[in-house]
Amino acid sequence: MPDCARLCIDCGELCRFCPSFLARESQFMEYICRICADMCDACAGECEAHSEDHCRHCAAACRHCAEECRQVAGVAA
């Protein structure tokens, strides 16, 4: 479970970081969104391995975030 917690923290930090690139229409926003989508997928995969409610909620939120990030980045899942 410690690896899961670390990954969730890393993912959350990147998810908070990403909107600032979008807001200023940074030339790097698509790259950041791709990385964010990859990290969200990794976090979701780890959380799906656990049966706790908070892990299931986190996994669902991460899957949704990954989808949105891929839309912004213009890449298919």
C-alpha atoms as a PDB file:
ATOM      1  CA  MET A   1       0.000   0.000   0.000  1.00  0.00           C
ATOM      2  CA  PRO A   2       2.884   2.517   0.488  1.00  0.00           C
ATOM      3  CA  ASP A   3       3.642   2.407  -3.249  1.00  0.00           C
ATOM      4  CA  CYS A   4      -0.015   3.122  -3.971  1.00  0.00           C
ATOM      5  CA  ALA A   5       0.000   6.146  -1.663  1.00  0.00           C
ATOM      6  CA  ARG A   6       3.178   7.543  -3.235  1.00  0.00           C
ATOM      7  CA  LEU A   7       1.770   7.112  -6.726  1.00  0.00           C
ATOM      8  CA  CYS A   8      -1.495   8.812  -5.723  1.00  0.00           C
ATOM      9  CA  ILE A   9       0.434  11.774  -4.305  1.00  0.00           C
ATOM     10  CA  ASP A  10       2.586  12.058  -7.438  1.00  0.00           C
ATOM     11  CA  CYS A  11      -0.490  11.828  -9.640  1.00  0.00           C
ATOM     12  CA  GLY A  12      -2.357  14.444  -7.611  1.00  0.00           C
ATOM     13  CA  GLU A  13       0.543  16.867  -7.828  1.00  0.00           C
ATOM     14  CA  LEU A  14       0.757  16.512 -11.601  1.00  0.00           C
ATOM     15  CA  CYS A  15      -3.008  16.910 -11.919  1.00  0.00           C
ATOM     16  CA  ARG A  16      -2.793  20.197  -9.983  1.00  0.00           C
ATOM     17  CA  PHE A  17       0.150  21.327 -12.112  1.00  0.00           C
ATOM     18  CA  CYS A  18      -1.477  20.611 -15.484  1.00  0.00           C
ATOM     19  CA  PRO A  19      -4.231  23.305 -15.505  1.00  0.00           C
ATOM     20  CA  SER A  20      -1.715  26.145 -15.305  1.00  0.00           C
ATOM     21  CA  PHE A  21      -0.228  25.007 -18.631  1.00  0.00           C
ATOM     22  CA  LEU A  22      -3.720  24.871 -20.121  1.00  0.00           C
ATOM     23  CA  ALA A  23      -4.730  28.271 -18.763  1.00  0.00           C
ATOM     24  CA  ARG A  24      -1.824  30.044 -20.409  1.00  0.00           C
ATOM     25  CA  GLU A  25      -2.020  27.886 -23.549  1.00  0.00           C
ATOM     26  CA  SER A  26       1.568  26.806 -23.108  1.00  0.00           C
ATOM     27  CA  GLN A  27       3.296  25.306 -26.108  1.00  0.00           C
ATOM     28  CA  PHE A  28       3.992  22.312 -23.841  1.00  0.00           C
ATOM     29  CA  MET A  29       0.431  21.694 -22.646  1.00  0.00           C
ATOM     30  CA  GLU A  30      -0.094  18.724 -24.959  1.00  0.00           C
ATOM     31  CA  TYR A  31       3.060  17.025 -23.669  1.00  0.00           C
ATOM     32  CA  ILE A  32       2.098  17.688 -20.063  1.00  0.00           C
ATOM     33  CA  CYS A  33      -1.385  16.274 -20.712  1.00  0.00           C
ATOM     34  CA  ARG A  34       0.105  13.122 -22.236  1.00  0.00           C
ATOM     35  CA  ILE A  35       2.313  12.613 -19.193  1.00  0.00           C
ATOM     36  CA  CYS A  36      -0.637  13.328 -16.912  1.00  0.00           C
ATOM     37  CA  ALA A  37      -2.744  10.737 -18.747  1.00  0.00           C
ATOM     38  CA  ASP A  38       0.007   8.137 -18.410  1.00  0.00           C
ATOM     39  CA  MET A  39       0.409   8.856 -14.715  1.00  0.00           C
ATOM     40  CA  CYS A  40      -3.358   8.742 -14.156  1.00  0.00           C
ATOM     41  CA  ASP A  41      -3.496   5.350 -15.888  1.00  0.00           C
ATOM     42  CA  ALA A  42      -0.685   4.063 -13.683  1.00  0.00           C
ATOM     43  CA  CYS A  43      -2.379   5.363 -10.552  1.00  0.00           C
ATOM     44  CA  ALA A  44      -5.723   3.886 -11.581  1.00  0.00           C
ATOM     45  CA  GLY A  45      -4.109   0.526 -12.263  1.00  0.00           C
ATOM     46  CA  GLU A  46      -2.476   0.483  -8.850  1.00  0.00           C
ATOM     47  CA  CYS A  47      -5.645   1.594  -7.064  1.00  0.00           C
ATOM     48  CA  GLU A  48      -7.733  -1.015  -8.891  1.00  0.00           C
ATOM     49  CA  ALA A  49      -5.553  -3.675  -7.276  1.00  0.00           C
ATOM     50  CA  HIS A  50      -6.991  -2.721  -3.856  1.00  0.00           C
ATOM     51  CA  SER A  51     -10.515  -3.233  -2.573  1.00  0.00           C
ATOM     52  CA  GLU A  52     -10.797  -0.155  -0.350  1.00  0.00           C
ATOM     53  CA  ASP A  53     -13.522   2.351  -1.277  1.00  0.00           C
ATOM     54  CA  HIS A  54     -11.105   5.254  -1.510  1.00  0.00           C
ATOM     55  CA  CYS A  55      -8.954   3.281  -3.952  1.00  0.00           C
ATOM     56  CA  ARG A  56     -11.939   2.523  -6.171  1.00  0.00           C
ATOM     57  CA  HIS A  57     -12.959   6.189  -6.149  1.00  0.00           C
ATOM     58  CA  CYS A  58      -9.409   7.247  -6.942  1.00  0.00           C
ATOM     59  CA  ALA A  59      -9.169   4.753  -9.810  1.00  0.00           C
ATOM     60  CA  ALA A  60     -12.424   6.033 -11.350  1.00  0.00           C
ATOM     61  CA  ALA A  61     -11.295   9.658 -11.040  1.00  0.00           C
ATOM     62  CA  CYS A  62      -7.919   8.815 -12.568  1.00  0.00           C
ATOM     63  CA  ARG A  63      -9.498   6.991 -15.523  1.00  0.00           C
ATOM     64  CA  HIS A  64     -11.729  10.015 -16.170  1.00  0.00           C
ATOM     65  CA  CYS A  65      -8.800  12.423 -15.875  1.00  0.00           C
ATOM     66  CA  ALA A  66      -6.710  10.319 -18.269  1.00  0.00           C
ATOM     67  CA  GLU A  67      -9.524  10.455 -20.834  1.00  0.00           C
ATOM     68  CA  GLU A  68      -9.800  14.230 -20.549  1.00  0.00           C
ATOM     69  CA  CYS A  69      -6.052  14.689 -20.777  1.00  0.00           C
ATOM     70  CA  ARG A  70      -5.887  12.581 -23.913  1.00  0.00           C
ATOM     71  CA  GLN A  71      -8.610  14.703 -25.488  1.00  0.00           C
ATOM     72  CA  VAL A  72      -6.628  17.859 -24.789  1.00  0.00           C
ATOM     73  CA  ALA A  73      -3.442  16.236 -26.059  1.00  0.00           C
ATOM     74  CA  GLY A  74      -5.232  14.972 -29.162  1.00  0.00           C
ATOM     75  CA  VAL A  75      -4.274  11.325 -28.699  1.00  0.00           C
ATOM     76  CA  ALA A  76      -6.431   8.218 -28.540  1.00  0.00           C
ATOM     77  CA  ALA A  77      -6.312   5.814 -25.626  1.00  0.00           C
END
